Amino acid sequence: MIQIWTALITILILKVLKTQAKHPWYLSNLVVFIRLNLFVKVELHKWLDNPFVKEQPPPKLYVQGVLF
């Protein structure tokens, strides 16, 4: 009985996240992407709004070949 309640609460939370997101998620895709990114440190609402943003590489601190 507890497994049923846990599944229902999980689905309810996922549907709330889906409605709050600006990106047009399908529930099945949202579940898969959350499962894949479960241990990634990101801000959830920013990621839900724009999940496919490419991060810029960090700036180079030095230029190879320069001695100073």
PDB file of N, CA and C in Angstrom:
ATOM      1  N   MET A   1       0.822  -1.198   0.000  1.00  0.00           N
ATOM      2  CA  MET A   1       0.000   0.000   0.000  1.00  0.00           C
ATOM      3  C   MET A   1       0.864   1.259   0.000  1.00  0.00           C
ATOM      4  N   ILE A   2       2.004   1.200   0.708  1.00  0.00           N
ATOM      5  CA  ILE A   2       2.883   2.368   0.767  1.00  0.00           C
ATOM      6  C   ILE A   2       3.498   2.659  -0.601  1.00  0.00           C
ATOM      7  N   GLN A   3       3.775   1.594  -1.380  1.00  0.00           N
ATOM      8  CA  GLN A   3       4.351   1.803  -2.712  1.00  0.00           C
ATOM      9  C   GLN A   3       3.375   2.542  -3.622  1.00  0.00           C
ATOM     10  N   ILE A   4       2.108   2.261  -3.488  1.00  0.00           N
ATOM     11  CA  ILE A   4       1.105   2.948  -4.312  1.00  0.00           C
ATOM     12  C   ILE A   4       1.061   4.427  -3.951  1.00  0.00           C
ATOM     13  N   TRP A   5       1.048   4.734  -2.650  1.00  0.00           N
ATOM     14  CA  TRP A   5       1.021   6.130  -2.226  1.00  0.00           C
ATOM     15  C   TRP A   5       2.285   6.867  -2.657  1.00  0.00           C
ATOM     16  N   THR A   6       3.423   6.191  -2.554  1.00  0.00           N
ATOM     17  CA  THR A   6       4.682   6.812  -2.969  1.00  0.00           C
ATOM     18  C   THR A   6       4.658   7.128  -4.466  1.00  0.00           C
ATOM     19  N   ALA A   7       4.174   6.190  -5.268  1.00  0.00           N
ATOM     20  CA  ALA A   7       4.087   6.417  -6.713  1.00  0.00           C
ATOM     21  C   ALA A   7       3.127   7.558  -7.029  1.00  0.00           C
ATOM     22  N   LEU A   8       1.986   7.611  -6.360  1.00  0.00           N
ATOM     23  CA  LEU A   8       1.023   8.682  -6.614  1.00  0.00           C
ATOM     24  C   LEU A   8       1.573  10.050  -6.224  1.00  0.00           C
ATOM     25  N   ILE A   9       2.259  10.124  -5.095  1.00  0.00           N
ATOM     26  CA  ILE A   9       2.864  11.402  -4.666  1.00  0.00           C
ATOM     27  C   ILE A   9       3.953  11.826  -5.635  1.00  0.00           C
ATOM     28  N   THR A  10       4.753  10.869  -6.108  1.00  0.00           N
ATOM     29  CA  THR A  10       5.811  11.178  -7.076  1.00  0.00           C
ATOM     30  C   THR A  10       5.228  11.715  -8.371  1.00  0.00           C
ATOM     31  N   ILE A  11       4.185  11.077  -8.871  1.00  0.00           N
ATOM     32  CA  ILE A  11       3.546  11.545 -10.102  1.00  0.00           C
ATOM     33  C   ILE A  11       2.957  12.936  -9.907  1.00  0.00           C
ATOM     34  N   LEU A  12       2.364  13.175  -8.753  1.00  0.00           N
ATOM     35  CA  LEU A  12       1.800  14.493  -8.462  1.00  0.00           C
ATOM     36  C   LEU A  12       2.896  15.566  -8.459  1.00  0.00           C
ATOM     37  N   ILE A  13       4.018  15.291  -7.827  1.00  0.00           N
ATOM     38  CA  ILE A  13       5.130  16.255  -7.794  1.00  0.00           C
ATOM     39  C   ILE A  13       5.661  16.506  -9.202  1.00  0.00           C
ATOM     40  N   LEU A  14       5.798  15.451  -9.996  1.00  0.00           N
ATOM     41  CA  LEU A  14       6.297  15.617 -11.364  1.00  0.00           C
ATOM     42  C   LEU A  14       5.321  16.422 -12.227  1.00  0.00           C
ATOM     43  N   LYS A  15       4.036  16.214 -12.040  1.00  0.00           N
ATOM     44  CA  LYS A  15       3.055  16.987 -12.815  1.00  0.00           C
ATOM     45  C   LYS A  15       3.071  18.459 -12.409  1.00  0.00           C
ATOM     46  N   VAL A  16       3.301  18.732 -11.124  1.00  0.00           N
ATOM     47  CA  VAL A  16       3.413  20.130 -10.687  1.00  0.00           C
ATOM     48  C   VAL A  16       4.647  20.774 -11.311  1.00  0.00           C
ATOM     49  N   LEU A  17       5.777  20.065 -11.305  1.00  0.00           N
ATOM     50  CA  LEU A  17       6.986  20.595 -11.937  1.00  0.00           C
ATOM     51  C   LEU A  17       6.769  20.826 -13.433  1.00  0.00           C
ATOM     52  N   LYS A  18       6.051  19.912 -14.082  1.00  0.00           N
ATOM     53  CA  LYS A  18       5.772  20.041 -15.512  1.00  0.00           C
ATOM     54  C   LYS A  18       4.947  21.289 -15.811  1.00  0.00           C
ATOM     55  N   THR A  19       3.960  21.573 -14.970  1.00  0.00           N
ATOM     56  CA  THR A  19       3.125  22.746 -15.224  1.00  0.00           C
ATOM     57  C   THR A  19       3.855  24.046 -14.912  1.00  0.00           C
ATOM     58  N   GLN A  20       4.825  24.021 -14.002  1.00  0.00           N
ATOM     59  CA  GLN A  20       5.567  25.232 -13.661  1.00  0.00           C
ATOM     60  C   GLN A  20       6.663  25.547 -14.677  1.00  0.00           C
ATOM     61  N   ALA A  21       7.112  24.548 -15.410  1.00  0.00           N
ATOM     62  CA  ALA A  21       8.215  24.733 -16.349  1.00  0.00           C
ATOM     63  C   ALA A  21       7.752  25.495 -17.588  1.00  0.00           C
ATOM     64  N   LYS A  22       8.656  26.294 -18.140  1.00  0.00           N
ATOM     65  CA  LYS A  22       8.359  27.028 -19.373  1.00  0.00           C
ATOM     66  C   LYS A  22       8.605  26.162 -20.605  1.00  0.00           C
ATOM     67  N   HIS A  23       9.468  25.179 -20.487  1.00  0.00           N
ATOM     68  CA  HIS A  23       9.751  24.255 -21.585  1.00  0.00           C
ATOM     69  C   HIS A  23       8.573  23.289 -21.732  1.00  0.00           C
ATOM     70  N   PRO A  24       8.147  22.983 -22.951  1.00  0.00           N
ATOM     71  CA  PRO A  24       6.982  22.089 -23.126  1.00  0.00           C
ATOM     72  C   PRO A  24       7.352  20.617 -22.918  1.00  0.00           C
ATOM     73  N   TRP A  25       7.424  20.191 -21.678  1.00  0.00           N
ATOM     74  CA  TRP A  25       7.810  18.820 -21.337  1.00  0.00           C
ATOM     75  C   TRP A  25       6.653  17.849 -21.546  1.00  0.00           C
ATOM     76  N   TYR A  26       6.999  16.643 -21.986  1.00  0.00           N
ATOM     77  CA  TYR A  26       6.110  15.501 -21.850  1.00  0.00           C
ATOM     78  C   TYR A  26       6.481  14.842 -20.535  1.00  0.00           C
ATOM     79  N   LEU A  27       5.530  14.267 -19.846  1.00  0.00           N
ATOM     80  CA  LEU A  27       5.797  13.700 -18.530  1.00  0.00           C
ATOM     81  C   LEU A  27       6.823  12.577 -18.598  1.00  0.00           C
ATOM     82  N   SER A  28       6.750  11.739 -19.617  1.00  0.00           N
ATOM     83  CA  SER A  28       7.710  10.629 -19.735  1.00  0.00           C
ATOM     84  C   SER A  28       9.129  11.153 -19.967  1.00  0.00           C
ATOM     85  N   ASN A  29       9.268  12.188 -20.805  1.00  0.00           N
ATOM     86  CA  ASN A  29      10.598  12.770 -21.035  1.00  0.00           C
ATOM     87  C   ASN A  29      11.131  13.443 -19.781  1.00  0.00           C
ATOM     88  N   LEU A  30      10.267  14.103 -19.040  1.00  0.00           N
ATOM     89  CA  LEU A  30      10.686  14.750 -17.800  1.00  0.00           C
ATOM     90  C   LEU A  30      11.204  13.726 -16.796  1.00  0.00           C
ATOM     91  N   VAL A  31      10.526  12.601 -16.686  1.00  0.00           N
ATOM     92  CA  VAL A  31      10.959  11.541 -15.776  1.00  0.00           C
ATOM     93  C   VAL A  31      12.329  11.012 -16.188  1.00  0.00           C
ATOM     94  N   VAL A  32      12.524  10.782 -17.472  1.00  0.00           N
ATOM     95  CA  VAL A  32      13.807  10.257 -17.950  1.00  0.00           C
ATOM     96  C   VAL A  32      14.926  11.265 -17.713  1.00  0.00           C
ATOM     97  N   PHE A  33      14.688  12.542 -18.015  1.00  0.00           N
ATOM     98  CA  PHE A  33      15.735  13.542 -17.851  1.00  0.00           C
ATOM     99  C   PHE A  33      16.059  13.788 -16.384  1.00  0.00           C
ATOM    100  N   ILE A  34      15.061  13.738 -15.533  1.00  0.00           N
ATOM    101  CA  ILE A  34      15.332  13.892 -14.101  1.00  0.00           C
ATOM    102  C   ILE A  34      16.125  12.696 -13.594  1.00  0.00           C
ATOM    103  N   ARG A  35      15.792  11.506 -14.075  1.00  0.00           N
ATOM    104  CA  ARG A  35      16.554  10.324 -13.671  1.00  0.00           C
ATOM    105  C   ARG A  35      18.010  10.414 -14.120  1.00  0.00           C
ATOM    106  N   LEU A  36      18.242  10.915 -15.342  1.00  0.00           N
ATOM    107  CA  LEU A  36      19.607  11.038 -15.845  1.00  0.00           C
ATOM    108  C   LEU A  36      20.404  12.116 -15.110  1.00  0.00           C
ATOM    109  N   ASN A  37      19.737  13.170 -14.683  1.00  0.00           N
ATOM    110  CA  ASN A  37      20.407  14.292 -14.033  1.00  0.00           C
ATOM    111  C   ASN A  37      20.196  14.314 -12.527  1.00  0.00           C
ATOM    112  N   LEU A  38      19.945  13.173 -11.949  1.00  0.00           N
ATOM    113  CA  LEU A  38      19.587  13.110 -10.538  1.00  0.00           C
ATOM    114  C   LEU A  38      20.712  13.608  -9.631  1.00  0.00           C
ATOM    115  N   PHE A  39      21.948  13.291  -9.960  1.00  0.00           N
ATOM    116  CA  PHE A  39      23.070  13.660  -9.103  1.00  0.00           C
ATOM    117  C   PHE A  39      23.876  14.828  -9.656  1.00  0.00           C
ATOM    118  N   VAL A  40      23.297  15.585 -10.571  1.00  0.00           N
ATOM    119  CA  VAL A  40      23.945  16.767 -11.128  1.00  0.00           C
ATOM    120  C   VAL A  40      23.483  17.979 -10.338  1.00  0.00           C
ATOM    121  N   LYS A  41      24.427  18.803  -9.960  1.00  0.00           N
ATOM    122  CA  LYS A  41      24.077  19.980  -9.161  1.00  0.00           C
ATOM    123  C   LYS A  41      23.675  21.123 -10.100  1.00  0.00           C
ATOM    124  N   VAL A  42      22.376  21.307 -10.256  1.00  0.00           N
ATOM    125  CA  VAL A  42      21.824  22.401 -11.058  1.00  0.00           C
ATOM    126  C   VAL A  42      20.645  22.986 -10.306  1.00  0.00           C
ATOM    127  N   GLU A  43      20.306  24.206 -10.658  1.00  0.00           N
ATOM    128  CA  GLU A  43      19.104  24.813 -10.086  1.00  0.00           C
ATOM    129  C   GLU A  43      17.903  24.262 -10.848  1.00  0.00           C
ATOM    130  N   LEU A  44      16.996  23.620 -10.133  1.00  0.00           N
ATOM    131  CA  LEU A  44      15.929  22.828 -10.759  1.00  0.00           C
ATOM    132  C   LEU A  44      15.025  23.661 -11.652  1.00  0.00           C
ATOM    133  N   HIS A  45      14.555  24.798 -11.179  1.00  0.00           N
ATOM    134  CA  HIS A  45      13.613  25.581 -11.981  1.00  0.00           C
ATOM    135  C   HIS A  45      14.280  26.184 -13.213  1.00  0.00           C
ATOM    136  N   LYS A  46      15.537  26.582 -13.112  1.00  0.00           N
ATOM    137  CA  LYS A  46      16.247  27.081 -14.297  1.00  0.00           C
ATOM    138  C   LYS A  46      16.418  25.964 -15.314  1.00  0.00           C
ATOM    139  N   TRP A  47      16.764  24.776 -14.828  1.00  0.00           N
ATOM    140  CA  TRP A  47      16.963  23.645 -15.721  1.00  0.00           C
ATOM    141  C   TRP A  47      15.652  23.208 -16.367  1.00  0.00           C
ATOM    142  N   LEU A  48      14.562  23.252 -15.615  1.00  0.00           N
ATOM    143  CA  LEU A  48      13.263  22.876 -16.183  1.00  0.00           C
ATOM    144  C   LEU A  48      12.822  23.851 -17.269  1.00  0.00           C
ATOM    145  N   ASP A  49      13.167  25.132 -17.102  1.00  0.00           N
ATOM    146  CA  ASP A  49      12.776  26.134 -18.090  1.00  0.00           C
ATOM    147  C   ASP A  49      13.614  26.044 -19.358  1.00  0.00           C
ATOM    148  N   ASN A  50      14.884  25.742 -19.222  1.00  0.00           N
ATOM    149  CA  ASN A  50      15.786  25.706 -20.377  1.00  0.00           C
ATOM    150  C   ASN A  50      16.783  24.558 -20.196  1.00  0.00           C
ATOM    151  N   PRO A  51      16.395  23.317 -20.514  1.00  0.00           N
ATOM    152  CA  PRO A  51      17.244  22.171 -20.216  1.00  0.00           C
ATOM    153  C   PRO A  51      18.413  21.963 -21.178  1.00  0.00           C
ATOM    154  N   PHE A  52      18.368  22.553 -22.365  1.00  0.00           N
ATOM    155  CA  PHE A  52      19.378  22.261 -23.372  1.00  0.00           C
ATOM    156  C   PHE A  52      20.340  23.417 -23.603  1.00  0.00           C
ATOM    157  N   VAL A  53      20.587  24.219 -22.590  1.00  0.00           N
ATOM    158  CA  VAL A  53      21.500  25.344 -22.731  1.00  0.00           C
ATOM    159  C   VAL A  53      22.931  24.811 -22.668  1.00  0.00           C
ATOM    160  N   LYS A  54      23.775  25.306 -23.557  1.00  0.00           N
ATOM    161  CA  LYS A  54      25.178  24.891 -23.551  1.00  0.00           C
ATOM    162  C   LYS A  54      25.970  25.849 -22.675  1.00  0.00           C
ATOM    163  N   GLU A  55      26.729  25.274 -21.770  1.00  0.00           N
ATOM    164  CA  GLU A  55      27.561  26.112 -20.917  1.00  0.00           C
ATOM    165  C   GLU A  55      28.806  26.528 -21.676  1.00  0.00           C
ATOM    166  N   GLN A  56      29.239  27.746 -21.423  1.00  0.00           N
ATOM    167  CA  GLN A  56      30.436  28.244 -22.074  1.00  0.00           C
ATOM    168  C   GLN A  56      31.665  27.673 -21.373  1.00  0.00           C
ATOM    169  N   PRO A  57      32.722  27.385 -22.131  1.00  0.00           N
ATOM    170  CA  PRO A  57      33.930  26.861 -21.488  1.00  0.00           C
ATOM    171  C   PRO A  57      34.573  27.936 -20.616  1.00  0.00           C
ATOM    172  N   PRO A  58      35.274  27.528 -19.585  1.00  0.00           N
ATOM    173  CA  PRO A  58      35.922  28.521 -18.727  1.00  0.00           C
ATOM    174  C   PRO A  58      36.997  29.288 -19.498  1.00  0.00           C
ATOM    175  N   PRO A  59      37.221  30.540 -19.146  1.00  0.00           N
ATOM    176  CA  PRO A  59      38.239  31.318 -19.864  1.00  0.00           C
ATOM    177  C   PRO A  59      39.637  30.772 -19.576  1.00  0.00           C
ATOM    178  N   LYS A  60      40.502  30.916 -20.581  1.00  0.00           N
ATOM    179  CA  LYS A  60      41.884  30.469 -20.404  1.00  0.00           C
ATOM    180  C   LYS A  60      42.615  31.432 -19.485  1.00  0.00           C
ATOM    181  N   LEU A  61      43.317  30.879 -18.527  1.00  0.00           N
ATOM    182  CA  LEU A  61      44.040  31.716 -17.585  1.00  0.00           C
ATOM    183  C   LEU A  61      45.422  32.090 -18.117  1.00  0.00           C
ATOM    184  N   TYR A  62      45.896  31.333 -19.080  1.00  0.00           N
ATOM    185  CA  TYR A  62      47.197  31.627 -19.650  1.00  0.00           C
ATOM    186  C   TYR A  62      47.161  31.299 -21.139  1.00  0.00           C
ATOM    187  N   VAL A  63      48.073  31.886 -21.865  1.00  0.00           N
ATOM    188  CA  VAL A  63      48.203  31.601 -23.285  1.00  0.00           C
ATOM    189  C   VAL A  63      49.513  30.859 -23.463  1.00  0.00           C
ATOM    190  N   GLN A  64      49.453  29.729 -24.088  1.00  0.00           N
ATOM    191  CA  GLN A  64      50.656  28.913 -24.245  1.00  0.00           C
ATOM    192  C   GLN A  64      51.651  29.622 -25.175  1.00  0.00           C
ATOM    193  N   GLY A  65      52.892  29.648 -24.764  1.00  0.00           N
ATOM    194  CA  GLY A  65      53.940  30.285 -25.545  1.00  0.00           C
ATOM    195  C   GLY A  65      54.341  31.650 -25.020  1.00  0.00           C
ATOM    196  N   VAL A  66      53.580  32.200 -24.122  1.00  0.00           N
ATOM    197  CA  VAL A  66      53.903  33.498 -23.524  1.00  0.00           C
ATOM    198  C   VAL A  66      54.617  33.235 -22.207  1.00  0.00           C
ATOM    199  N   LEU A  67      55.754  33.905 -21.983  1.00  0.00           N
ATOM    200  CA  LEU A  67      56.574  33.625 -20.815  1.00  0.00           C
ATOM    201  C   LEU A  67      56.278  34.536 -19.634  1.00  0.00           C
ATOM    202  N   PHE A  68      55.445  35.520 -19.791  1.00  0.00           N
ATOM    203  CA  PHE A  68      55.215  36.433 -18.658  1.00  0.00           C
ATOM    204  C   PHE A  68      53.789  36.410 -18.218  1.00  0.00           C
TER     205      PHE A  68
END
